[in-house]
C-alpha atoms as a PDB file:
ATOM      1  CA  MET A   1     -22.150  -7.778 -35.595  1.00  0.00           C
ATOM      2  CA  GLY A   2     -22.040 -11.790 -34.848  1.00  0.00           C
ATOM      3  CA  GLU A   3     -25.982 -11.172 -35.357  1.00  0.00           C
ATOM      4  CA  GLN A   4     -25.509  -9.518 -38.455  1.00  0.00           C
ATOM      5  CA  VAL A   5     -23.545 -12.499 -39.871  1.00  0.00           C
ATOM      6  CA  GLY A   6     -25.670 -15.377 -38.153  1.00  0.00           C
ATOM      7  CA  ALA A   7     -22.564 -16.131 -35.914  1.00  0.00           C
ATOM      8  CA  GLU A   8     -22.994 -18.532 -32.773  1.00  0.00           C
ATOM      9  CA  ARG A   9     -23.082 -16.696 -29.624  1.00  0.00           C
ATOM     10  CA  ARG A  10     -20.895 -19.282 -27.584  1.00  0.00           C
ATOM     11  CA  ARG A  11     -18.319 -19.733 -30.017  1.00  0.00           C
ATOM     12  CA  LEU A  12     -18.029 -16.104 -30.475  1.00  0.00           C
ATOM     13  CA  LEU A  13     -17.704 -15.589 -26.614  1.00  0.00           C
ATOM     14  CA  VAL A  14     -14.826 -18.488 -26.529  1.00  0.00           C
ATOM     15  CA  ALA A  15     -13.114 -16.354 -29.387  1.00  0.00           C
ATOM     16  CA  GLN A  16     -13.440 -13.344 -27.597  1.00  0.00           C
ATOM     17  CA  ALA A  17     -12.192 -14.819 -24.410  1.00  0.00           C
ATOM     18  CA  ILE A  18      -9.045 -16.283 -25.673  1.00  0.00           C
ATOM     19  CA  ALA A  19      -8.414 -12.941 -27.998  1.00  0.00           C
ATOM     20  CA  THR A  20      -8.423 -11.494 -24.891  1.00  0.00           C
ATOM     21  CA  ALA A  21      -6.255 -13.798 -22.928  1.00  0.00           C
ATOM     22  CA  ILE A  22      -3.911 -13.693 -25.800  1.00  0.00           C
ATOM     23  CA  GLY A  23      -3.693 -10.305 -26.595  1.00  0.00           C
ATOM     24  CA  CYS A  24      -2.917  -9.170 -22.713  1.00  0.00           C
ATOM     25  CA  PHE A  25       0.045 -11.794 -22.605  1.00  0.00           C
ATOM     26  CA  ALA A  26       1.086 -10.032 -26.019  1.00  0.00           C
ATOM     27  CA  ALA A  27       0.736  -6.923 -25.064  1.00  0.00           C
ATOM     28  CA  VAL A  28       2.932  -7.152 -21.651  1.00  0.00           C
ATOM     29  CA  TRP A  29       5.595  -9.141 -23.694  1.00  0.00           C
ATOM     30  CA  ALA A  30       5.962  -6.695 -26.839  1.00  0.00           C
ATOM     31  CA  LEU A  31       6.026  -3.999 -23.355  1.00  0.00           C
ATOM     32  CA  LEU A  32       9.200  -5.831 -22.389  1.00  0.00           C
ATOM     33  CA  HIS A  33      10.720  -6.634 -25.679  1.00  0.00           C
ATOM     34  CA  VAL A  34      10.115  -3.136 -26.641  1.00  0.00           C
ATOM     35  CA  CYS A  35      11.860  -1.379 -23.100  1.00  0.00           C
ATOM     36  CA  TYR A  36      14.548  -4.427 -23.506  1.00  0.00           C
ATOM     37  CA  ARG A  37      15.216  -3.546 -27.316  1.00  0.00           C
ATOM     38  CA  GLU A  38      15.236   0.430 -27.039  1.00  0.00           C
ATOM     39  CA  GLY A  39      16.158   0.792 -23.279  1.00  0.00           C
ATOM     40  CA  ALA A  40      13.529   2.078 -20.799  1.00  0.00           C
ATOM     41  CA  GLU A  41      15.371   5.289 -20.596  1.00  0.00           C
ATOM     42  CA  GLN A  42      14.820   5.975 -24.266  1.00  0.00           C
ATOM     43  CA  MET A  43      10.908   5.316 -23.815  1.00  0.00           C
ATOM     44  CA  GLN A  44       8.596   8.395 -23.957  1.00  0.00           C
ATOM     45  CA  ASP A  45       5.317   9.151 -21.697  1.00  0.00           C
ATOM     46  CA  PRO A  46       3.331   6.905 -20.983  1.00  0.00           C
ATOM     47  CA  VAL A  47       5.550   4.171 -21.237  1.00  0.00           C
ATOM     48  CA  VAL A  48       8.062   5.653 -18.921  1.00  0.00           C
ATOM     49  CA  ARG A  49       5.800   6.923 -16.252  1.00  0.00           C
ATOM     50  CA  LEU A  50       3.317   3.677 -16.498  1.00  0.00           C
ATOM     51  CA  SER A  51       5.152   0.644 -16.936  1.00  0.00           C
ATOM     52  CA  GLY A  52       6.777   1.259 -13.458  1.00  0.00           C
ATOM     53  CA  GLN A  53       3.606   1.400 -11.950  1.00  0.00           C
ATOM     54  CA  GLY A  54       2.392  -2.153 -12.128  1.00  0.00           C
ATOM     55  CA  TRP A  55       5.932  -3.769 -11.235  1.00  0.00           C
ATOM     56  CA  SER A  56       6.156  -1.542  -8.103  1.00  0.00           C
ATOM     57  CA  ILE A  57       2.964  -2.978  -7.010  1.00  0.00           C
ATOM     58  CA  VAL A  58       3.595  -6.778  -7.398  1.00  0.00           C
ATOM     59  CA  SER A  59       6.779  -6.052  -5.566  1.00  0.00           C
ATOM     60  CA  SER A  60       5.359  -4.727  -2.526  1.00  0.00           C
ATOM     61  CA  TRP A  61       2.838  -7.210  -2.555  1.00  0.00           C
ATOM     62  CA  MET A  62       5.613  -9.775  -3.043  1.00  0.00           C
ATOM     63  CA  GLY A  63       7.984  -8.604  -0.201  1.00  0.00           C
ATOM     64  CA  GLU A  64       5.264  -7.567   2.747  1.00  0.00           C
ATOM     65  CA  PRO A  65       1.790  -9.518   1.671  1.00  0.00           C
ATOM     66  CA  PRO A  66      -1.072  -7.226   2.916  1.00  0.00           C
ATOM     67  CA  GLY A  67      -4.349  -8.781   4.504  1.00  0.00           C
ATOM     68  CA  PRO A  68      -7.472  -9.085   2.933  1.00  0.00           C
ATOM     69  CA  ASN A  69      -8.645  -5.493   1.934  1.00  0.00           C
ATOM     70  CA  TRP A  70     -12.330  -5.639   3.244  1.00  0.00           C
ATOM     71  CA  THR A  71     -13.145  -1.907   2.167  1.00  0.00           C
ATOM     72  CA  GLY A  72     -12.222  -2.963  -1.295  1.00  0.00           C
ATOM     73  CA  PHE A  73     -14.273  -5.661  -1.215  1.00  0.00           C
ATOM     74  CA  GLY A  74     -17.169  -3.997   0.005  1.00  0.00           C
ATOM     75  CA  ALA A  75     -16.631  -1.671  -2.915  1.00  0.00           C
ATOM     76  CA  ILE A  76     -16.674  -4.204  -5.534  1.00  0.00           C
ATOM     77  CA  VAL A  77     -19.710  -6.008  -4.646  1.00  0.00           C
ATOM     78  CA  PHE A  78     -21.422  -2.563  -4.552  1.00  0.00           C
ATOM     79  CA  GLY A  79     -20.254  -1.753  -7.748  1.00  0.00           C
ATOM     80  CA  PHE A  80     -21.269  -5.180  -8.948  1.00  0.00           C
ATOM     81  CA  LEU A  81     -24.990  -4.785  -7.431  1.00  0.00           C
ATOM     82  CA  PHE A  82     -25.617  -1.135  -8.502  1.00  0.00           C
ATOM     83  CA  ALA A  83     -24.273  -2.738 -12.332  1.00  0.00           C
ATOM     84  CA  SER A  84     -26.669  -4.948 -12.134  1.00  0.00           C
ATOM     85  CA  TRP A  85     -29.434  -2.589 -10.786  1.00  0.00           C
ATOM     86  CA  LEU A  86     -28.655  -0.335 -13.940  1.00  0.00           C
ATOM     87  CA  MET A  87     -28.743  -3.437 -16.437  1.00  0.00           C
ATOM     88  CA  TRP A  88     -32.063  -4.700 -14.751  1.00  0.00           C
ATOM     89  CA  MET A  89     -33.595  -1.320 -15.546  1.00  0.00           C
ATOM     90  CA  ARG A  90     -32.118  -1.065 -18.418  1.00  0.00           C
ATOM     91  CA  PHE A  91     -34.013  -4.134 -19.708  1.00  0.00           C
ATOM     92  CA  ARG A  92     -36.894  -3.445 -17.772  1.00  0.00           C
ATOM     93  CA  PHE A  93     -37.651   0.055 -18.923  1.00  0.00           C
ATOM     94  CA  VAL A  94     -37.172   1.492 -22.419  1.00  0.00           C
ATOM     95  CA  TRP A  95     -36.471   4.987 -21.508  1.00  0.00           C
ATOM     96  CA  TRP A  96     -33.983   4.204 -18.529  1.00  0.00           C
ATOM     97  CA  PRO A  97     -31.182   6.947 -19.638  1.00  0.00           C
ATOM     98  CA  PHE A  98     -28.381   5.254 -17.770  1.00  0.00           C
ATOM     99  CA  HIS A  99     -25.963   2.388 -18.775  1.00  0.00           C
ATOM    100  CA  PRO A 100     -23.884   0.011 -16.618  1.00  0.00           C
ATOM    101  CA  ILE A 101     -20.806   0.782 -19.469  1.00  0.00           C
ATOM    102  CA  GLY A 102     -20.968   4.580 -18.204  1.00  0.00           C
ATOM    103  CA  TYR A 103     -21.117   3.670 -14.471  1.00  0.00           C
ATOM    104  CA  ALA A 104     -17.991   1.529 -15.088  1.00  0.00           C
ATOM    105  CA  ILE A 105     -15.345   3.778 -17.349  1.00  0.00           C
ATOM    106  CA  ALA A 106     -17.298   7.038 -15.556  1.00  0.00           C
ATOM    107  CA  PRO A 107     -14.343   7.514 -13.351  1.00  0.00           C
ATOM    108  CA  ASP A 108     -11.692   6.869 -15.963  1.00  0.00           C
ATOM    109  CA  TRP A 109      -8.972   9.476 -16.644  1.00  0.00           C
ATOM    110  CA  THR A 110      -9.811   8.925 -20.600  1.00  0.00           C
ATOM    111  CA  VAL A 111     -13.718   9.732 -19.991  1.00  0.00           C
ATOM    112  CA  GLY A 112     -12.231  13.409 -19.794  1.00  0.00           C
ATOM    113  CA  LEU A 113     -10.979  13.566 -23.279  1.00  0.00           C
ATOM    114  CA  ILE A 114     -13.412  11.690 -25.279  1.00  0.00           C
ATOM    115  CA  TRP A 115     -16.670  13.580 -23.321  1.00  0.00           C
ATOM    116  CA  ILE A 116     -17.512  15.670 -26.171  1.00  0.00           C
ATOM    117  CA  PRO A 117     -17.844  13.102 -28.800  1.00  0.00           C
ATOM    118  CA  LEU A 118     -20.057  10.774 -25.998  1.00  0.00           C
ATOM    119  CA  MET A 119     -22.238  14.210 -25.890  1.00  0.00           C
ATOM    120  CA  VAL A 120     -22.534  14.181 -29.525  1.00  0.00           C
ATOM    121  CA  GLY A 121     -22.968  10.080 -30.157  1.00  0.00           C
ATOM    122  CA  TRP A 122     -25.888  10.610 -27.468  1.00  0.00           C
ATOM    123  CA  ALA A 123     -27.579  13.637 -28.786  1.00  0.00           C
ATOM    124  CA  ALA A 124     -27.434  12.335 -32.243  1.00  0.00           C
ATOM    125  CA  LYS A 125     -28.885   8.700 -31.271  1.00  0.00           C
ATOM    126  CA  SER A 126     -31.635  10.825 -28.943  1.00  0.00           C
ATOM    127  CA  LEU A 127     -32.335  12.904 -32.013  1.00  0.00           C
ATOM    128  CA  VAL A 128     -32.756  10.142 -34.581  1.00  0.00           C
ATOM    129  CA  LEU A 129     -34.634   7.939 -31.758  1.00  0.00           C
ATOM    130  CA  HIS A 130     -36.861  10.766 -31.465  1.00  0.00           C
ATOM    131  CA  TYR A 131     -37.879  12.251 -34.831  1.00  0.00           C
ATOM    132  CA  ALA A 132     -36.843   9.285 -36.794  1.00  0.00           C
ATOM    133  CA  GLY A 133     -38.311   6.178 -34.709  1.00  0.00           C
ATOM    134  CA  PRO A 134     -36.269   3.014 -33.839  1.00  0.00           C
ATOM    135  CA  LYS A 135     -36.132   1.472 -37.680  1.00  0.00           C
ATOM    136  CA  VAL A 136     -34.176   3.908 -38.752  1.00  0.00           C
ATOM    137  CA  TYR A 137     -32.322   3.944 -35.933  1.00  0.00           C
ATOM    138  CA  ARG A 138     -31.239   0.358 -36.469  1.00  0.00           C
ATOM    139  CA  ALA A 139     -30.724   0.956 -40.182  1.00  0.00           C
ATOM    140  CA  GLY A 140     -28.018   3.238 -38.843  1.00  0.00           C
ATOM    141  CA  ILE A 141     -26.838   1.228 -36.989  1.00  0.00           C
ATOM    142  CA  PRO A 142     -24.085  -0.083 -39.184  1.00  0.00           C
ATOM    143  CA  PHE A 143     -22.970   3.438 -40.346  1.00  0.00           C
ATOM    144  CA  ALA A 144     -21.963   4.203 -36.706  1.00  0.00           C
ATOM    145  CA  LEU A 145     -19.878   1.016 -36.229  1.00  0.00           C
ATOM    146  CA  GLY A 146     -18.306   1.824 -39.689  1.00  0.00           C
ATOM    147  CA  LEU A 147     -16.987   5.303 -37.724  1.00  0.00           C
ATOM    148  CA  VAL A 148     -15.407   3.217 -34.814  1.00  0.00           C
ATOM    149  CA  LEU A 149     -13.877   0.621 -37.081  1.00  0.00           C
ATOM    150  CA  GLY A 150     -12.684   3.627 -38.902  1.00  0.00           C
ATOM    151  CA  GLU A 151     -11.381   5.882 -36.043  1.00  0.00           C
ATOM    152  CA  PHE A 152      -9.244   2.411 -35.402  1.00  0.00           C
ATOM    153  CA  THR A 153      -8.218   1.397 -38.132  1.00  0.00           C
ATOM    154  CA  VAL A 154      -6.890   5.420 -38.526  1.00  0.00           C
ATOM    155  CA  GLY A 155      -4.965   4.800 -35.333  1.00  0.00           C
ATOM    156  CA  GLY A 156      -3.998   1.358 -35.806  1.00  0.00           C
ATOM    157  CA  PHE A 157      -2.077   2.832 -39.063  1.00  0.00           C
ATOM    158  CA  TRP A 158      -0.571   5.526 -37.673  1.00  0.00           C
ATOM    159  CA  ALA A 159       0.339   3.153 -34.764  1.00  0.00           C
ATOM    160  CA  LEU A 160       2.062   0.816 -37.634  1.00  0.00           C
ATOM    161  CA  LEU A 161       3.826   3.910 -39.573  1.00  0.00           C
ATOM    162  CA  ALA A 162       5.222   5.356 -35.940  1.00  0.00           C
ATOM    163  CA  MET A 163       6.608   1.436 -35.445  1.00  0.00           C
ATOM    164  CA  ILE A 164       8.256   1.074 -39.224  1.00  0.00           C
ATOM    165  CA  THR A 165       9.411   4.720 -39.674  1.00  0.00           C
ATOM    166  CA  ARG A 166      10.694   4.929 -35.693  1.00  0.00           C
ATOM    167  CA  ALA A 167       9.189   8.466 -35.141  1.00  0.00           C
ATOM    168  CA  PRO A 168       6.662   9.954 -33.257  1.00  0.00           C
ATOM    169  CA  GLN A 169       3.547  10.381 -35.620  1.00  0.00           C
ATOM    170  CA  TYR A 170       0.003  11.216 -34.417  1.00  0.00           C
ATOM    171  CA  THR A 171      -1.311  10.300 -30.708  1.00  0.00           C
ATOM    172  CA  PHE A 172      -4.563   9.736 -29.392  1.00  0.00           C
ATOM    173  CA  TRP A 173      -4.014  11.862 -26.139  1.00  0.00           C
ATOM    174  CA  PRO A 174      -2.475  15.097 -25.583  1.00  0.00           C
END
């Protein structure tokens, strides 16, 4: 989107980094604030199930600091090198089908919830590229971005409505 409006990449990257940092702190503050105001016992799943995990991990680290995790470090280095190789292959060969983001998100539980939309998107992209060509594909990118923006807009609306009415509304996961 930044390319479409002619935004400077470095300024856009700095703005995204600042927004990410502020968003992380705001999310933690919002969770603590709502749990304090409403009472943590009153919160529904996934807050009840997930909010205590981070604090228990940090508490165990404070009580008995672990030594270096060389296995974990090796896994991080391997993951970085493998993702870098995937990116290099993607830049080097137009036909390369694997994206490094897929490697990063595949083990996450949310992929199990969205694998059908991912497959539909992949099939649509493949069909458009194969039968209509790259020019039509590039012309359709704003439409695809609009679909994503629409999904987030509707999700944000339901979240705001739930906060205003203090009643459960539509949820994205079962």
